[in-house]
């Protein structure tokens, strides 16, 4: 399942060949959640809302991902796909099209 224009190729600063995919991307997203939500216990199936996520935290998640991936990640994706695994799947699919 992909979204409409969540990732902006115009903002790309990281070579596509260097971007993580699959399990590596899931691990990156999970780490972004851990940092933003302040808990090392978060795993790939942890729910953003259940861990106290809010709009400011969602912006921190997407900022971390944008820095690591070199593309703009829409904050709305965090709300639409609240687990790291789900968000990673959508970002991975969208990156394949960029």
PDB file of N, CA and C in Angstrom:
ATOM      1  N   UNK A   1       0.853  -1.167   0.000  1.00  0.00           N
ATOM      2  CA  UNK A   1       0.000   0.000   0.000  1.00  0.00           C
ATOM      3  C   UNK A   1       0.897   1.227   0.000  1.00  0.00           C
ATOM      4  N   UNK A   2       0.725   2.072  -0.997  1.00  0.00           N
ATOM      5  CA  UNK A   2       1.504   3.298  -1.050  1.00  0.00           C
ATOM      6  C   UNK A   2       0.588   4.488  -0.887  1.00  0.00           C
ATOM      7  N   UNK A   3       1.183   5.611  -0.679  1.00  0.00           N
ATOM      8  CA  UNK A   3       0.431   6.834  -0.448  1.00  0.00           C
ATOM      9  C   UNK A   3       0.707   7.811  -1.571  1.00  0.00           C
ATOM     10  N   UNK A   4      -0.009   8.896  -1.592  1.00  0.00           N
ATOM     11  CA  UNK A   4       0.231   9.896  -2.612  1.00  0.00           C
ATOM     12  C   UNK A   4       1.274  10.891  -2.143  1.00  0.00           C
ATOM     13  N   UNK A   5       2.333  10.991  -2.865  1.00  0.00           N
ATOM     14  CA  UNK A   5       3.450  11.914  -2.652  1.00  0.00           C
ATOM     15  C   UNK A   5       3.928  12.082  -1.215  1.00  0.00           C
ATOM     16  N   UNK A   6       4.156  10.988  -0.468  1.00  0.00           N
ATOM     17  CA  UNK A   6       4.683  11.163   0.878  1.00  0.00           C
ATOM     18  C   UNK A   6       6.168  11.464   0.885  1.00  0.00           C
ATOM     19  N   UNK A   7       6.858  11.028  -0.136  1.00  0.00           N
ATOM     20  CA  UNK A   7       8.302  11.214  -0.191  1.00  0.00           C
ATOM     21  C   UNK A   7       8.621  12.133  -1.348  1.00  0.00           C
ATOM     22  N   UNK A   8       9.396  13.127  -1.087  1.00  0.00           N
ATOM     23  CA  UNK A   8       9.737  14.097  -2.105  1.00  0.00           C
ATOM     24  C   UNK A   8      11.130  13.827  -2.656  1.00  0.00           C
ATOM     25  N   UNK A   9      11.224  13.403  -3.921  1.00  0.00           N
ATOM     26  CA  UNK A   9      12.548  13.172  -4.489  1.00  0.00           C
ATOM     27  C   UNK A   9      13.357  14.452  -4.613  1.00  0.00           C
ATOM     28  N   UNK A  10      12.699  15.580  -4.664  1.00  0.00           N
ATOM     29  CA  UNK A  10      13.418  16.852  -4.766  1.00  0.00           C
ATOM     30  C   UNK A  10      14.275  17.102  -3.535  1.00  0.00           C
ATOM     31  N   UNK A  11      13.869  16.520  -2.405  1.00  0.00           N
ATOM     32  CA  UNK A  11      14.613  16.718  -1.169  1.00  0.00           C
ATOM     33  C   UNK A  11      15.717  15.676  -0.989  1.00  0.00           C
ATOM     34  N   UNK A  12      15.851  14.768  -1.924  1.00  0.00           N
ATOM     35  CA  UNK A  12      16.805  13.664  -1.786  1.00  0.00           C
ATOM     36  C   UNK A  12      18.235  14.171  -1.695  1.00  0.00           C
ATOM     37  N   UNK A  13      18.939  13.712  -0.667  1.00  0.00           N
ATOM     38  CA  UNK A  13      20.349  14.048  -0.513  1.00  0.00           C
ATOM     39  C   UNK A  13      21.187  12.795  -0.365  1.00  0.00           C
ATOM     40  N   UNK A  14      20.541  11.644  -0.173  1.00  0.00           N
ATOM     41  CA  UNK A  14      21.231  10.379  -0.024  1.00  0.00           C
ATOM     42  C   UNK A  14      21.063   9.583  -1.309  1.00  0.00           C
ATOM     43  N   UNK A  15      22.143   9.008  -1.812  1.00  0.00           N
ATOM     44  CA  UNK A  15      22.087   8.180  -3.004  1.00  0.00           C
ATOM     45  C   UNK A  15      21.135   7.016  -2.761  1.00  0.00           C
ATOM     46  N   UNK A  16      20.241   6.771  -3.707  1.00  0.00           N
ATOM     47  CA  UNK A  16      19.239   5.716  -3.570  1.00  0.00           C
ATOM     48  C   UNK A  16      19.886   4.363  -3.285  1.00  0.00           C
ATOM     49  N   UNK A  17      21.044   4.098  -3.844  1.00  0.00           N
ATOM     50  CA  UNK A  17      21.719   2.822  -3.626  1.00  0.00           C
ATOM     51  C   UNK A  17      22.204   2.667  -2.186  1.00  0.00           C
ATOM     52  N   UNK A  18      22.357   3.782  -1.475  1.00  0.00           N
ATOM     53  CA  UNK A  18      22.838   3.747  -0.097  1.00  0.00           C
ATOM     54  C   UNK A  18      21.710   3.691   0.930  1.00  0.00           C
ATOM     55  N   UNK A  19      20.473   3.889   0.498  1.00  0.00           N
ATOM     56  CA  UNK A  19      19.347   3.900   1.428  1.00  0.00           C
ATOM     57  C   UNK A  19      19.035   2.493   1.904  1.00  0.00           C
ATOM     58  N   UNK A  20      18.727   2.348   3.198  1.00  0.00           N
ATOM     59  CA  UNK A  20      18.367   1.033   3.708  1.00  0.00           C
ATOM     60  C   UNK A  20      17.001   0.599   3.181  1.00  0.00           C
ATOM     61  N   UNK A  21      16.828  -0.700   3.025  1.00  0.00           N
ATOM     62  CA  UNK A  21      15.552  -1.269   2.601  1.00  0.00           C
ATOM     63  C   UNK A  21      15.244  -2.464   3.484  1.00  0.00           C
ATOM     64  N   UNK A  22      14.041  -2.980   3.382  1.00  0.00           N
ATOM     65  CA  UNK A  22      13.662  -4.192   4.096  1.00  0.00           C
ATOM     66  C   UNK A  22      13.902  -4.116   5.588  1.00  0.00           C
ATOM     67  N   UNK A  23      14.578  -5.142   6.109  1.00  0.00           N
ATOM     68  CA  UNK A  23      14.825  -5.251   7.553  1.00  0.00           C
ATOM     69  C   UNK A  23      15.676  -4.094   8.076  1.00  0.00           C
ATOM     70  N   UNK A  24      16.611  -3.623   7.271  1.00  0.00           N
ATOM     71  CA  UNK A  24      17.452  -2.497   7.707  1.00  0.00           C
ATOM     72  C   UNK A  24      16.625  -1.223   7.849  1.00  0.00           C
ATOM     73  N   UNK A  25      15.675  -1.022   6.951  1.00  0.00           N
ATOM     74  CA  UNK A  25      14.808   0.141   7.052  1.00  0.00           C
ATOM     75  C   UNK A  25      13.888   0.016   8.259  1.00  0.00           C
ATOM     76  N   UNK A  26      13.367  -1.182   8.497  1.00  0.00           N
ATOM     77  CA  UNK A  26      12.524  -1.411   9.679  1.00  0.00           C
ATOM     78  C   UNK A  26      13.310  -1.120  10.953  1.00  0.00           C
ATOM     79  N   UNK A  27      14.557  -1.540  10.999  1.00  0.00           N
ATOM     80  CA  UNK A  27      15.398  -1.267  12.164  1.00  0.00           C
ATOM     81  C   UNK A  27      15.629   0.236  12.327  1.00  0.00           C
ATOM     82  N   UNK A  28      15.837   0.950  11.234  1.00  0.00           N
ATOM     83  CA  UNK A  28      16.021   2.395  11.284  1.00  0.00           C
ATOM     84  C   UNK A  28      14.767   3.088  11.808  1.00  0.00           C
ATOM     85  N   UNK A  29      13.613   2.694  11.307  1.00  0.00           N
ATOM     86  CA  UNK A  29      12.354   3.303  11.755  1.00  0.00           C
ATOM     87  C   UNK A  29      12.107   2.980  13.227  1.00  0.00           C
ATOM     88  N   UNK A  30      12.378   1.750  13.621  1.00  0.00           N
ATOM     89  CA  UNK A  30      12.212   1.363  15.024  1.00  0.00           C
ATOM     90  C   UNK A  30      13.108   2.204  15.920  1.00  0.00           C
ATOM     91  N   UNK A  31      14.334   2.423  15.517  1.00  0.00           N
ATOM     92  CA  UNK A  31      15.245   3.257  16.298  1.00  0.00           C
ATOM     93  C   UNK A  31      14.758   4.705  16.361  1.00  0.00           C
ATOM     94  N   UNK A  32      14.193   5.209  15.278  1.00  0.00           N
ATOM     95  CA  UNK A  32      13.638   6.562  15.284  1.00  0.00           C
ATOM     96  C   UNK A  32      12.496   6.668  16.287  1.00  0.00           C
ATOM     97  N   UNK A  33      11.651   5.651  16.360  1.00  0.00           N
ATOM     98  CA  UNK A  33      10.571   5.626  17.351  1.00  0.00           C
ATOM     99  C   UNK A  33      11.149   5.594  18.765  1.00  0.00           C
ATOM    100  N   UNK A  34      12.153   4.741  18.984  1.00  0.00           N
ATOM    101  CA  UNK A  34      12.764   4.640  20.320  1.00  0.00           C
ATOM    102  C   UNK A  34      13.307   5.980  20.779  1.00  0.00           C
ATOM    103  N   UNK A  35      14.029   6.643  19.895  1.00  0.00           N
ATOM    104  CA  UNK A  35      14.611   7.945  20.245  1.00  0.00           C
ATOM    105  C   UNK A  35      13.539   8.994  20.504  1.00  0.00           C
ATOM    106  N   UNK A  36      12.559   9.067  19.618  1.00  0.00           N
ATOM    107  CA  UNK A  36      11.533  10.099  19.738  1.00  0.00           C
ATOM    108  C   UNK A  36      10.627   9.876  20.944  1.00  0.00           C
ATOM    109  N   UNK A  37      10.329   8.611  21.225  1.00  0.00           N
ATOM    110  CA  UNK A  37       9.431   8.290  22.333  1.00  0.00           C
ATOM    111  C   UNK A  37      10.175   8.013  23.634  1.00  0.00           C
ATOM    112  N   UNK A  38      11.497   7.970  23.575  1.00  0.00           N
ATOM    113  CA  UNK A  38      12.308   7.827  24.777  1.00  0.00           C
ATOM    114  C   UNK A  38      12.234   6.471  25.444  1.00  0.00           C
ATOM    115  N   UNK A  39      12.114   5.403  24.648  1.00  0.00           N
ATOM    116  CA  UNK A  39      12.043   4.075  25.239  1.00  0.00           C
ATOM    117  C   UNK A  39      12.779   3.039  24.389  1.00  0.00           C
ATOM    118  N   UNK A  40      13.807   2.416  24.964  1.00  0.00           N
ATOM    119  CA  UNK A  40      14.525   1.373  24.240  1.00  0.00           C
ATOM    120  C   UNK A  40      13.710   0.083  24.100  1.00  0.00           C
ATOM    121  N   UNK A  41      12.571   0.004  24.763  1.00  0.00           N
ATOM    122  CA  UNK A  41      11.748  -1.206  24.738  1.00  0.00           C
ATOM    123  C   UNK A  41      10.856  -1.296  23.508  1.00  0.00           C
ATOM    124  N   UNK A  42      10.764  -0.234  22.742  1.00  0.00           N
ATOM    125  CA  UNK A  42       9.915  -0.230  21.546  1.00  0.00           C
ATOM    126  C   UNK A  42      10.491  -1.204  20.529  1.00  0.00           C
ATOM    127  N   UNK A  43       9.584  -2.011  19.925  1.00  0.00           N
ATOM    128  CA  UNK A  43      10.005  -2.927  18.863  1.00  0.00           C
ATOM    129  C   UNK A  43       9.242  -2.596  17.586  1.00  0.00           C
ATOM    130  N   UNK A  44       9.450  -3.366  16.555  1.00  0.00           N
ATOM    131  CA  UNK A  44       8.867  -3.055  15.251  1.00  0.00           C
ATOM    132  C   UNK A  44       7.342  -3.104  15.237  1.00  0.00           C
ATOM    133  N   UNK A  45       6.733  -3.760  16.214  1.00  0.00           N
ATOM    134  CA  UNK A  45       5.283  -3.867  16.267  1.00  0.00           C
ATOM    135  C   UNK A  45       4.651  -2.953  17.314  1.00  0.00           C
ATOM    136  N   UNK A  46       5.440  -2.085  17.929  1.00  0.00           N
ATOM    137  CA  UNK A  46       4.929  -1.173  18.947  1.00  0.00           C
ATOM    138  C   UNK A  46       4.087  -0.082  18.295  1.00  0.00           C
ATOM    139  N   UNK A  47       2.984   0.250  18.942  1.00  0.00           N
ATOM    140  CA  UNK A  47       2.071   1.257  18.418  1.00  0.00           C
ATOM    141  C   UNK A  47       2.469   2.654  18.893  1.00  0.00           C
ATOM    142  N   UNK A  48       2.599   3.558  17.962  1.00  0.00           N
ATOM    143  CA  UNK A  48       2.977   4.939  18.241  1.00  0.00           C
ATOM    144  C   UNK A  48       2.081   5.567  19.304  1.00  0.00           C
ATOM    145  N   UNK A  49       0.764   5.351  19.178  1.00  0.00           N
ATOM    146  CA  UNK A  49      -0.189   5.940  20.113  1.00  0.00           C
ATOM    147  C   UNK A  49      -0.093   5.310  21.496  1.00  0.00           C
ATOM    148  N   UNK A  50       0.065   3.996  21.542  1.00  0.00           N
ATOM    149  CA  UNK A  50       0.144   3.291  22.829  1.00  0.00           C
ATOM    150  C   UNK A  50       1.359   3.736  23.637  1.00  0.00           C
ATOM    151  N   UNK A  51       2.407   4.183  22.962  1.00  0.00           N
ATOM    152  CA  UNK A  51       3.624   4.640  23.637  1.00  0.00           C
ATOM    153  C   UNK A  51       3.600   6.137  23.910  1.00  0.00           C
ATOM    154  N   UNK A  52       2.442   6.763  23.729  1.00  0.00           N
ATOM    155  CA  UNK A  52       2.299   8.180  24.065  1.00  0.00           C
ATOM    156  C   UNK A  52       2.664   9.142  22.963  1.00  0.00           C
ATOM    157  N   UNK A  53       2.692   8.664  21.727  1.00  0.00           N
ATOM    158  CA  UNK A  53       3.041   9.532  20.613  1.00  0.00           C
ATOM    159  C   UNK A  53       2.047  10.648  20.396  1.00  0.00           C
ATOM    160  N   UNK A  54       2.556  11.808  19.993  1.00  0.00           N
ATOM    161  CA  UNK A  54       1.731  12.963  19.676  1.00  0.00           C
ATOM    162  C   UNK A  54       2.327  13.648  18.445  1.00  0.00           C
ATOM    163  N   UNK A  55       1.761  14.773  18.066  1.00  0.00           N
ATOM    164  CA  UNK A  55       2.206  15.421  16.835  1.00  0.00           C
ATOM    165  C   UNK A  55       3.672  15.857  16.893  1.00  0.00           C
ATOM    166  N   UNK A  56       4.121  16.360  18.023  1.00  0.00           N
ATOM    167  CA  UNK A  56       5.529  16.762  18.129  1.00  0.00           C
ATOM    168  C   UNK A  56       6.466  15.566  18.013  1.00  0.00           C
ATOM    169  N   UNK A  57       6.065  14.471  18.612  1.00  0.00           N
ATOM    170  CA  UNK A  57       6.870  13.254  18.526  1.00  0.00           C
ATOM    171  C   UNK A  57       6.896  12.731  17.092  1.00  0.00           C
ATOM    172  N   UNK A  58       5.773  12.817  16.409  1.00  0.00           N
ATOM    173  CA  UNK A  58       5.713  12.377  15.012  1.00  0.00           C
ATOM    174  C   UNK A  58       6.667  13.203  14.149  1.00  0.00           C
ATOM    175  N   UNK A  59       6.742  14.499  14.413  1.00  0.00           N
ATOM    176  CA  UNK A  59       7.688  15.336  13.669  1.00  0.00           C
ATOM    177  C   UNK A  59       9.135  14.923  13.959  1.00  0.00           C
ATOM    178  N   UNK A  60       9.417  14.524  15.194  1.00  0.00           N
ATOM    179  CA  UNK A  60      10.779  14.063  15.523  1.00  0.00           C
ATOM    180  C   UNK A  60      11.097  12.767  14.788  1.00  0.00           C
ATOM    181  N   UNK A  61      10.122  11.867  14.703  1.00  0.00           N
ATOM    182  CA  UNK A  61      10.323  10.610  13.967  1.00  0.00           C
ATOM    183  C   UNK A  61      10.643  10.917  12.506  1.00  0.00           C
ATOM    184  N   UNK A  62       9.819  11.752  11.883  1.00  0.00           N
ATOM    185  CA  UNK A  62      10.033  12.024  10.463  1.00  0.00           C
ATOM    186  C   UNK A  62      11.321  12.810  10.215  1.00  0.00           C
ATOM    187  N   UNK A  63      11.698  13.684  11.125  1.00  0.00           N
ATOM    188  CA  UNK A  63      12.962  14.413  10.968  1.00  0.00           C
ATOM    189  C   UNK A  63      14.145  13.457  10.982  1.00  0.00           C
ATOM    190  N   UNK A  64      14.107  12.482  11.893  1.00  0.00           N
ATOM    191  CA  UNK A  64      15.171  11.479  11.956  1.00  0.00           C
ATOM    192  C   UNK A  64      15.238  10.682  10.658  1.00  0.00           C
ATOM    193  N   UNK A  65      14.076  10.278  10.160  1.00  0.00           N
ATOM    194  CA  UNK A  65      14.038   9.499   8.921  1.00  0.00           C
ATOM    195  C   UNK A  65      14.489  10.329   7.727  1.00  0.00           C
ATOM    196  N   UNK A  66      14.073  11.577   7.684  1.00  0.00           N
ATOM    197  CA  UNK A  66      14.491  12.455   6.591  1.00  0.00           C
ATOM    198  C   UNK A  66      16.001  12.636   6.575  1.00  0.00           C
ATOM    199  N   UNK A  67      16.593  12.808   7.745  1.00  0.00           N
ATOM    200  CA  UNK A  67      18.049  12.947   7.826  1.00  0.00           C
ATOM    201  C   UNK A  67      18.750  11.680   7.349  1.00  0.00           C
ATOM    202  N   UNK A  68      18.227  10.534   7.744  1.00  0.00           N
ATOM    203  CA  UNK A  68      18.866   9.260   7.404  1.00  0.00           C
ATOM    204  C   UNK A  68      18.646   8.853   5.946  1.00  0.00           C
ATOM    205  N   UNK A  69      17.477   9.175   5.401  1.00  0.00           N
ATOM    206  CA  UNK A  69      17.126   8.706   4.064  1.00  0.00           C
ATOM    207  C   UNK A  69      17.349   9.736   2.969  1.00  0.00           C
ATOM    208  N   UNK A  70      17.416  11.001   3.365  1.00  0.00           N
ATOM    209  CA  UNK A  70      17.622  12.035   2.367  1.00  0.00           C
ATOM    210  C   UNK A  70      16.390  12.365   1.551  1.00  0.00           C
ATOM    211  N   UNK A  71      15.222  11.991   2.036  1.00  0.00           N
ATOM    212  CA  UNK A  71      13.965  12.335   1.379  1.00  0.00           C
ATOM    213  C   UNK A  71      12.984  12.843   2.432  1.00  0.00           C
ATOM    214  N   UNK A  72      12.041  13.634   1.979  1.00  0.00           N
ATOM    215  CA  UNK A  72      11.023  14.139   2.895  1.00  0.00           C
ATOM    216  C   UNK A  72      10.008  13.037   3.178  1.00  0.00           C
ATOM    217  N   UNK A  73       9.745  12.797   4.457  1.00  0.00           N
ATOM    218  CA  UNK A  73       8.755  11.807   4.882  1.00  0.00           C
ATOM    219  C   UNK A  73       7.604  12.578   5.525  1.00  0.00           C
ATOM    220  N   UNK A  74       6.417  12.429   4.969  1.00  0.00           N
ATOM    221  CA  UNK A  74       5.250  13.161   5.477  1.00  0.00           C
ATOM    222  C   UNK A  74       4.903  12.699   6.884  1.00  0.00           C
ATOM    223  N   UNK A  75       4.693  13.650   7.783  1.00  0.00           N
ATOM    224  CA  UNK A  75       4.357  13.323   9.172  1.00  0.00           C
ATOM    225  C   UNK A  75       3.039  12.556   9.248  1.00  0.00           C
ATOM    226  N   UNK A  76       2.151  12.779   8.310  1.00  0.00           N
ATOM    227  CA  UNK A  76       0.868  12.069   8.302  1.00  0.00           C
ATOM    228  C   UNK A  76       1.053  10.560   8.211  1.00  0.00           C
ATOM    229  N   UNK A  77       2.170  10.120   7.647  1.00  0.00           N
ATOM    230  CA  UNK A  77       2.419   8.682   7.548  1.00  0.00           C
ATOM    231  C   UNK A  77       2.576   8.033   8.912  1.00  0.00           C
ATOM    232  N   UNK A  78       3.150   8.751   9.860  1.00  0.00           N
ATOM    233  CA  UNK A  78       3.306   8.200  11.216  1.00  0.00           C
ATOM    234  C   UNK A  78       1.937   7.934  11.823  1.00  0.00           C
ATOM    235  N   UNK A  79       0.995   8.821  11.569  1.00  0.00           N
ATOM    236  CA  UNK A  79      -0.352   8.652  12.112  1.00  0.00           C
ATOM    237  C   UNK A  79      -1.120   7.560  11.371  1.00  0.00           C
ATOM    238  N   UNK A  80      -0.925   7.459  10.070  1.00  0.00           N
ATOM    239  CA  UNK A  80      -1.638   6.469   9.267  1.00  0.00           C
ATOM    240  C   UNK A  80      -1.072   5.060   9.437  1.00  0.00           C
ATOM    241  N   UNK A  81       0.218   4.966   9.716  1.00  0.00           N
ATOM    242  CA  UNK A  81       0.913   3.676   9.867  1.00  0.00           C
ATOM    243  C   UNK A  81       1.673   3.712  11.188  1.00  0.00           C
ATOM    244  N   UNK A  82       0.978   3.471  12.319  1.00  0.00           N
ATOM    245  CA  UNK A  82       1.540   3.767  13.639  1.00  0.00           C
ATOM    246  C   UNK A  82       2.599   2.809  14.184  1.00  0.00           C
ATOM    247  N   UNK A  83       2.865   1.694  13.525  1.00  0.00           N
ATOM    248  CA  UNK A  83       3.945   0.839  14.022  1.00  0.00           C
ATOM    249  C   UNK A  83       5.181   1.043  13.145  1.00  0.00           C
ATOM    250  N   UNK A  84       6.359   0.852  13.700  1.00  0.00           N
ATOM    251  CA  UNK A  84       7.560   0.973  12.873  1.00  0.00           C
ATOM    252  C   UNK A  84       7.545   0.048  11.660  1.00  0.00           C
ATOM    253  N   UNK A  85       7.046  -1.172  11.827  1.00  0.00           N
ATOM    254  CA  UNK A  85       7.013  -2.122  10.710  1.00  0.00           C
ATOM    255  C   UNK A  85       6.106  -1.619   9.591  1.00  0.00           C
ATOM    256  N   UNK A  86       4.923  -1.124   9.957  1.00  0.00           N
ATOM    257  CA  UNK A  86       3.993  -0.623   8.945  1.00  0.00           C
ATOM    258  C   UNK A  86       4.543   0.612   8.248  1.00  0.00           C
ATOM    259  N   UNK A  87       5.101   1.531   9.018  1.00  0.00           N
ATOM    260  CA  UNK A  87       5.667   2.734   8.426  1.00  0.00           C
ATOM    261  C   UNK A  87       6.845   2.382   7.512  1.00  0.00           C
ATOM    262  N   UNK A  88       7.677   1.466   7.946  1.00  0.00           N
ATOM    263  CA  UNK A  88       8.822   1.056   7.126  1.00  0.00           C
ATOM    264  C   UNK A  88       8.361   0.433   5.811  1.00  0.00           C
ATOM    265  N   UNK A  89       7.306  -0.366   5.856  1.00  0.00           N
ATOM    266  CA  UNK A  89       6.789  -0.984   4.628  1.00  0.00           C
ATOM    267  C   UNK A  89       6.343   0.075   3.623  1.00  0.00           C
ATOM    268  N   UNK A  90       5.630   1.083   4.108  1.00  0.00           N
ATOM    269  CA  UNK A  90       5.134   2.151   3.219  1.00  0.00           C
ATOM    270  C   UNK A  90       6.296   2.973   2.681  1.00  0.00           C
ATOM    271  N   UNK A  91       7.215   3.348   3.543  1.00  0.00           N
ATOM    272  CA  UNK A  91       8.362   4.133   3.103  1.00  0.00           C
ATOM    273  C   UNK A  91       9.201   3.332   2.103  1.00  0.00           C
ATOM    274  N   UNK A  92       9.396   2.048   2.380  1.00  0.00           N
ATOM    275  CA  UNK A  92      10.165   1.177   1.481  1.00  0.00           C
ATOM    276  C   UNK A  92       9.514   1.125   0.095  1.00  0.00           C
ATOM    277  N   UNK A  93       8.201   0.928   0.068  1.00  0.00           N
ATOM    278  CA  UNK A  93       7.480   0.867  -1.199  1.00  0.00           C
ATOM    279  C   UNK A  93       7.574   2.199  -1.947  1.00  0.00           C
ATOM    280  N   UNK A  94       7.443   3.287  -1.213  1.00  0.00           N
ATOM    281  CA  UNK A  94       7.515   4.598  -1.849  1.00  0.00           C
ATOM    282  C   UNK A  94       8.925   4.929  -2.320  1.00  0.00           C
ATOM    283  N   UNK A  95       9.936   4.514  -1.573  1.00  0.00           N
ATOM    284  CA  UNK A  95      11.318   4.754  -1.990  1.00  0.00           C
ATOM    285  C   UNK A  95      11.647   4.003  -3.279  1.00  0.00           C
ATOM    286  N   UNK A  96      11.021   2.855  -3.464  1.00  0.00           N
ATOM    287  CA  UNK A  96      11.264   2.080  -4.677  1.00  0.00           C
ATOM    288  C   UNK A  96      10.775   2.823  -5.920  1.00  0.00           C
ATOM    289  N   UNK A  97       9.835   3.756  -5.719  1.00  0.00           N
ATOM    290  CA  UNK A  97       9.288   4.520  -6.833  1.00  0.00           C
ATOM    291  C   UNK A  97      10.017   5.835  -7.061  1.00  0.00           C
ATOM    292  N   UNK A  98      10.859   6.249  -6.121  1.00  0.00           N
ATOM    293  CA  UNK A  98      11.555   7.548  -6.233  1.00  0.00           C
ATOM    294  C   UNK A  98      12.758   7.408  -7.133  1.00  0.00           C
TER     295      UNK A  98
END
